[in-house]
Amino acid sequence: MYKRILVKLSGEAIGQEDGRGIDSKKLERVASQLVELNKDGVEIAIVIGGGNFWRGKYGEDYIERTTSDYMGMLATTLNALALQEMIESKGVYTRVQTAIEMKQIAEPYIRRKAVRHLEKGRIVIFACGTGSPYFTTDSAAALRAIEMDSDVILLAKNVDGVYNKDPKKYDDAKKYSEVTYMQAINEKLGVMDTTAITLCMENKTPILVFALNDKDSIIRAVKGEKIGTIIKE
């Protein structure tokens, strides 16, 4: 269904049970799906978070916000490198590009180069968010998806779609199969931050929200199975 995708992964999605560090089994499940899609000809870009290593709340009492955000960007690089190694162990070439230059371990983000990697069948992993503090990895995912001219953002989360309220707290929470960008913003559905959704709305980039832990969920989403919640006009 989609030729070029951007997958947004949180750090916690590949973290251990307590949300910290890296769970190699979770990482391998994600990598295996990406490799299968790549071999089917799907062009794949990834934006990955770093919450399994660092979140601002860990140092909010003594670390200034800008510094904390930069620390979070460095944490995303740890996850990007781990994902790169897992994917390449399965025989698919990848490139990590970082929004903050660290040339000894990754390429700097260059749009044209990233697009060329995708065209050559490499999986591209974007780290360090946008490279600027005060912007989340949600915003980075929206920005990179637009720059890569992706068909969709696949937003892999811990819940199986978008609800009108937290399904973990409320038994009567209603799941949506489809919502508009403005509905997501106005109802504060907590899908992505407002900046990210606004970027997607202005550029008509759909967002598919689904549960990462469901079996083969990334593959099923790309092949057009009705899972999760689609956000569009």
Protein backbone atom coordinates (compact mmCIF):
# COMPACT_ATOMS: atom_id res chain seq x y z
CA MET A 1 0.00 0.00 0.00
CA TYR A 2 2.91 2.35 0.72
CA LYS A 3 6.11 2.71 -1.30
CA ARG A 4 8.04 4.98 1.07
CA ILE A 5 7.35 5.11 4.81
CA LEU A 6 8.67 6.83 7.88
CA VAL A 7 8.46 4.79 11.07
CA LYS A 8 8.44 6.68 14.36
CA LEU A 9 9.72 4.55 17.24
CA SER A 10 9.93 5.66 20.84
CA GLY A 11 12.91 4.65 22.91
CA GLU A 12 10.59 2.96 25.40
CA ALA A 13 9.23 0.74 22.61
CA ILE A 14 12.57 -1.08 22.44
CA GLY A 15 13.35 -0.69 26.14
CA GLN A 16 13.29 -3.29 28.84
CA GLU A 17 10.26 -3.88 31.08
CA ASP A 18 11.09 -0.88 33.26
CA GLY A 19 11.44 1.29 30.16
CA ARG A 20 15.21 1.67 30.49
CA GLY A 21 18.04 0.31 28.37
CA ILE A 22 17.52 -1.88 25.29
CA ASP A 23 15.62 -5.16 25.11
CA SER A 24 17.35 -7.11 22.33
CA LYS A 25 14.28 -9.29 21.68
CA LYS A 26 12.07 -6.26 21.09
CA LEU A 27 14.76 -4.72 18.92
CA GLU A 28 15.01 -7.88 16.84
CA ARG A 29 11.22 -8.09 16.35
CA VAL A 30 11.21 -4.56 14.97
CA ALA A 31 14.30 -5.13 12.82
CA SER A 32 12.93 -8.37 11.35
CA GLN A 33 9.79 -6.63 10.13
CA LEU A 34 11.76 -3.76 8.63
CA VAL A 35 14.08 -6.17 6.84
CA GLU A 36 11.15 -8.10 5.37
CA LEU A 37 9.53 -4.91 4.10
CA ASN A 38 12.83 -3.70 2.68
CA LYS A 39 13.25 -6.92 0.73
CA ASP A 40 9.73 -6.41 -0.65
CA GLY A 41 10.88 -3.08 -2.06
CA VAL A 42 9.50 -0.68 0.55
CA GLU A 43 11.72 2.36 1.16
CA ILE A 44 12.09 2.85 4.92
CA ALA A 45 13.16 5.82 7.02
CA ILE A 46 13.07 5.76 10.81
CA VAL A 47 13.02 8.41 13.49
CA ILE A 48 13.84 7.00 16.90
CA GLY A 49 13.50 8.50 20.35
CA GLY A 50 15.75 8.17 23.38
CA GLY A 51 13.41 7.96 26.35
CA ASN A 52 14.78 4.60 27.42
CA PHE A 53 18.07 6.33 28.24
CA TRP A 54 17.17 9.90 29.04
CA ARG A 55 14.11 12.01 29.65
CA GLY A 56 14.24 15.58 30.91
CA LYS A 57 12.36 14.65 34.05
CA TYR A 58 15.37 12.67 35.30
CA GLY A 59 17.34 15.88 35.77
CA GLU A 60 14.71 18.57 35.92
CA ASP A 61 15.81 19.84 39.33
CA TYR A 62 19.32 20.79 38.32
CA ILE A 63 19.75 20.60 34.52
CA GLU A 64 18.65 23.47 32.32
CA ARG A 65 16.05 22.54 29.67
CA THR A 66 18.29 23.15 26.66
CA THR A 67 21.06 20.95 28.07
CA SER A 68 18.55 18.26 28.97
CA ASP A 69 17.16 18.27 25.43
CA TYR A 70 20.65 17.89 23.96
CA MET A 71 21.27 14.97 26.29
CA GLY A 72 18.08 13.40 24.96
CA MET A 73 19.32 13.86 21.40
CA LEU A 74 22.50 11.98 22.26
CA ALA A 75 20.38 9.20 23.76
CA THR A 76 18.56 8.76 20.44
CA THR A 77 21.92 8.08 18.81
CA LEU A 78 22.49 5.09 21.10
CA ASN A 79 19.21 3.58 19.94
CA ALA A 80 19.91 4.39 16.30
CA LEU A 81 23.27 2.63 16.38
CA ALA A 82 21.77 -0.43 18.12
CA LEU A 83 18.99 -0.63 15.54
CA GLN A 84 21.52 -0.23 12.73
CA GLU A 85 23.57 -3.15 13.98
CA MET A 86 20.51 -5.36 14.42
CA ILE A 87 19.23 -4.63 10.91
CA GLU A 88 22.63 -5.10 9.28
CA SER A 89 23.08 -8.42 11.09
CA LYS A 90 20.13 -9.55 8.96
CA GLY A 91 21.78 -8.55 5.70
CA VAL A 92 20.28 -5.14 4.91
CA TYR A 93 22.42 -2.02 4.58
CA THR A 94 21.53 1.01 6.67
CA ARG A 95 22.71 4.54 7.24
CA VAL A 96 22.41 6.55 10.45
CA GLN A 97 22.16 10.29 9.95
CA THR A 98 22.29 12.67 12.90
CA ALA A 99 20.98 16.22 13.15
CA ILE A 100 24.01 17.01 15.36
CA GLU A 101 27.28 16.27 13.62
CA MET A 102 29.25 13.35 15.02
CA LYS A 103 31.13 12.26 11.92
CA GLN A 104 33.13 9.48 13.55
CA ILE A 105 29.99 7.35 14.04
CA ALA A 106 27.30 8.61 11.64
CA GLU A 107 26.60 10.80 8.66
CA PRO A 108 25.34 14.35 9.20
CA TYR A 109 21.77 14.81 8.07
CA ILE A 110 21.72 15.80 4.39
CA ARG A 111 18.34 15.55 2.72
CA ARG A 112 19.55 14.70 -0.78
CA LYS A 113 21.89 12.03 0.52
CA ALA A 114 19.15 10.50 2.66
CA VAL A 115 16.77 10.33 -0.31
CA ARG A 116 19.48 8.69 -2.42
CA HIS A 117 20.07 6.07 0.26
CA LEU A 118 16.36 5.24 0.22
CA GLU A 119 16.38 4.96 -3.57
CA LYS A 120 19.29 2.53 -3.32
CA GLY A 121 17.36 0.30 -0.92
CA ARG A 122 19.12 1.29 2.28
CA ILE A 123 17.20 1.84 5.50
CA VAL A 124 17.88 5.31 6.86
CA ILE A 125 17.74 5.96 10.60
CA PHE A 126 17.49 9.57 11.75
CA ALA A 127 18.85 10.42 15.20
CA CYS A 128 19.11 13.58 17.33
CA GLY A 129 15.59 14.74 16.54
CA THR A 130 15.59 18.07 14.72
CA GLY A 131 18.94 19.03 16.25
CA SER A 132 17.30 21.87 18.17
CA PRO A 133 16.06 21.95 21.77
CA TYR A 134 12.37 22.45 22.54
CA PHE A 135 11.36 20.23 19.61
CA THR A 136 10.26 16.65 20.24
CA THR A 137 11.04 13.57 18.17
CA ASP A 138 7.39 13.75 17.08
CA SER A 139 8.22 17.02 15.35
CA ALA A 140 11.36 15.44 13.92
CA ALA A 141 9.30 12.55 12.53
CA ALA A 142 6.87 14.93 10.85
CA LEU A 143 9.68 17.05 9.44
CA ARG A 144 11.71 14.13 8.08
CA ALA A 145 8.62 12.45 6.63
CA ILE A 146 7.81 15.60 4.68
CA GLU A 147 11.42 16.09 3.57
CA MET A 148 11.62 12.46 2.40
CA ASP A 149 8.24 12.76 0.65
CA SER A 150 7.01 9.75 2.62
CA ASP A 151 3.59 8.28 1.88
CA VAL A 152 2.75 7.91 5.56
CA ILE A 153 4.09 8.19 9.10
CA LEU A 154 3.76 4.89 10.94
CA LEU A 155 3.46 5.87 14.58
CA ALA A 156 4.22 2.75 16.63
CA LYS A 157 2.92 3.10 20.18
CA ASN A 158 2.01 1.04 23.24
CA VAL A 159 -1.71 1.24 22.47
CA ASP A 160 -3.55 -0.06 19.40
CA GLY A 161 -4.82 3.26 18.11
CA VAL A 162 -6.28 6.60 19.10
CA TYR A 163 -8.89 6.76 21.86
CA ASN A 164 -11.08 9.58 23.16
CA LYS A 165 -9.50 8.99 26.58
CA ASP A 166 -6.86 6.79 28.15
CA PRO A 167 -7.96 3.14 27.62
CA LYS A 168 -5.69 2.02 30.45
CA LYS A 169 -7.66 4.14 32.92
CA TYR A 170 -11.18 4.10 31.49
CA ASP A 171 -13.09 0.98 30.48
CA ASP A 172 -15.49 3.03 28.36
CA ALA A 173 -12.74 4.60 26.24
CA LYS A 174 -13.75 4.73 22.58
CA LYS A 175 -11.30 3.80 19.85
CA TYR A 176 -11.36 5.77 16.62
CA SER A 177 -10.71 4.13 13.26
CA GLU A 178 -10.16 7.52 11.64
CA VAL A 179 -9.75 11.09 12.88
CA THR A 180 -8.89 14.38 11.23
CA TYR A 181 -5.85 16.46 12.04
CA MET A 182 -7.98 19.20 13.58
CA GLN A 183 -9.91 16.68 15.66
CA ALA A 184 -6.65 15.32 17.06
CA ILE A 185 -5.58 18.86 17.96
CA ASN A 186 -8.90 20.18 19.26
CA GLU A 187 -9.73 17.12 21.35
CA LYS A 188 -6.15 16.86 22.62
CA LEU A 189 -6.02 13.18 21.77
CA GLY A 190 -2.32 12.92 22.64
CA VAL A 191 -1.27 11.36 19.35
CA MET A 192 1.67 13.67 18.64
CA ASP A 193 2.48 17.18 19.75
CA THR A 194 0.63 20.04 18.09
CA THR A 195 3.65 21.16 16.06
CA ALA A 196 4.02 17.71 14.51
CA ILE A 197 0.32 17.32 13.66
CA THR A 198 0.19 20.83 12.20
CA LEU A 199 3.16 20.07 9.95
CA CYS A 200 1.47 16.89 8.74
CA MET A 201 -1.81 18.72 8.17
CA GLU A 202 -0.18 21.50 6.13
CA ASN A 203 1.62 18.94 3.96
CA LYS A 204 -1.16 16.33 3.81
CA THR A 205 0.98 13.59 5.33
CA PRO A 206 -1.22 10.88 6.91
CA ILE A 207 -0.35 9.37 10.29
CA LEU A 208 -1.19 5.76 11.12
CA VAL A 209 -1.20 5.00 14.84
CA PHE A 210 -0.97 1.35 15.88
CA ALA A 211 0.40 -0.98 18.56
CA LEU A 212 4.01 -1.93 18.00
CA ASN A 213 3.73 -5.05 20.18
CA ASP A 214 0.95 -6.63 18.10
CA LYS A 215 2.30 -9.44 15.91
CA ASP A 216 3.81 -8.19 12.63
CA SER A 217 2.04 -4.87 13.11
CA ILE A 218 4.44 -2.83 10.96
CA ILE A 219 4.14 -5.28 8.07
CA ARG A 220 0.35 -5.42 8.40
CA ALA A 221 0.14 -1.63 8.44
CA VAL A 222 2.23 -1.26 5.28
CA LYS A 223 0.24 -3.93 3.45
CA GLY A 224 -2.98 -2.05 4.09
CA GLU A 225 -4.60 -4.15 6.80
CA LYS A 226 -7.17 -2.22 8.81
CA ILE A 227 -5.30 -1.76 12.06
CA GLY A 228 -4.92 1.19 14.38
CA THR A 229 -6.18 4.67 13.63
CA ILE A 230 -5.50 6.77 10.55
CA ILE A 231 -5.18 10.54 10.93
CA LYS A 232 -5.72 12.59 7.80
CA GLU A 233 -7.83 15.40 6.36
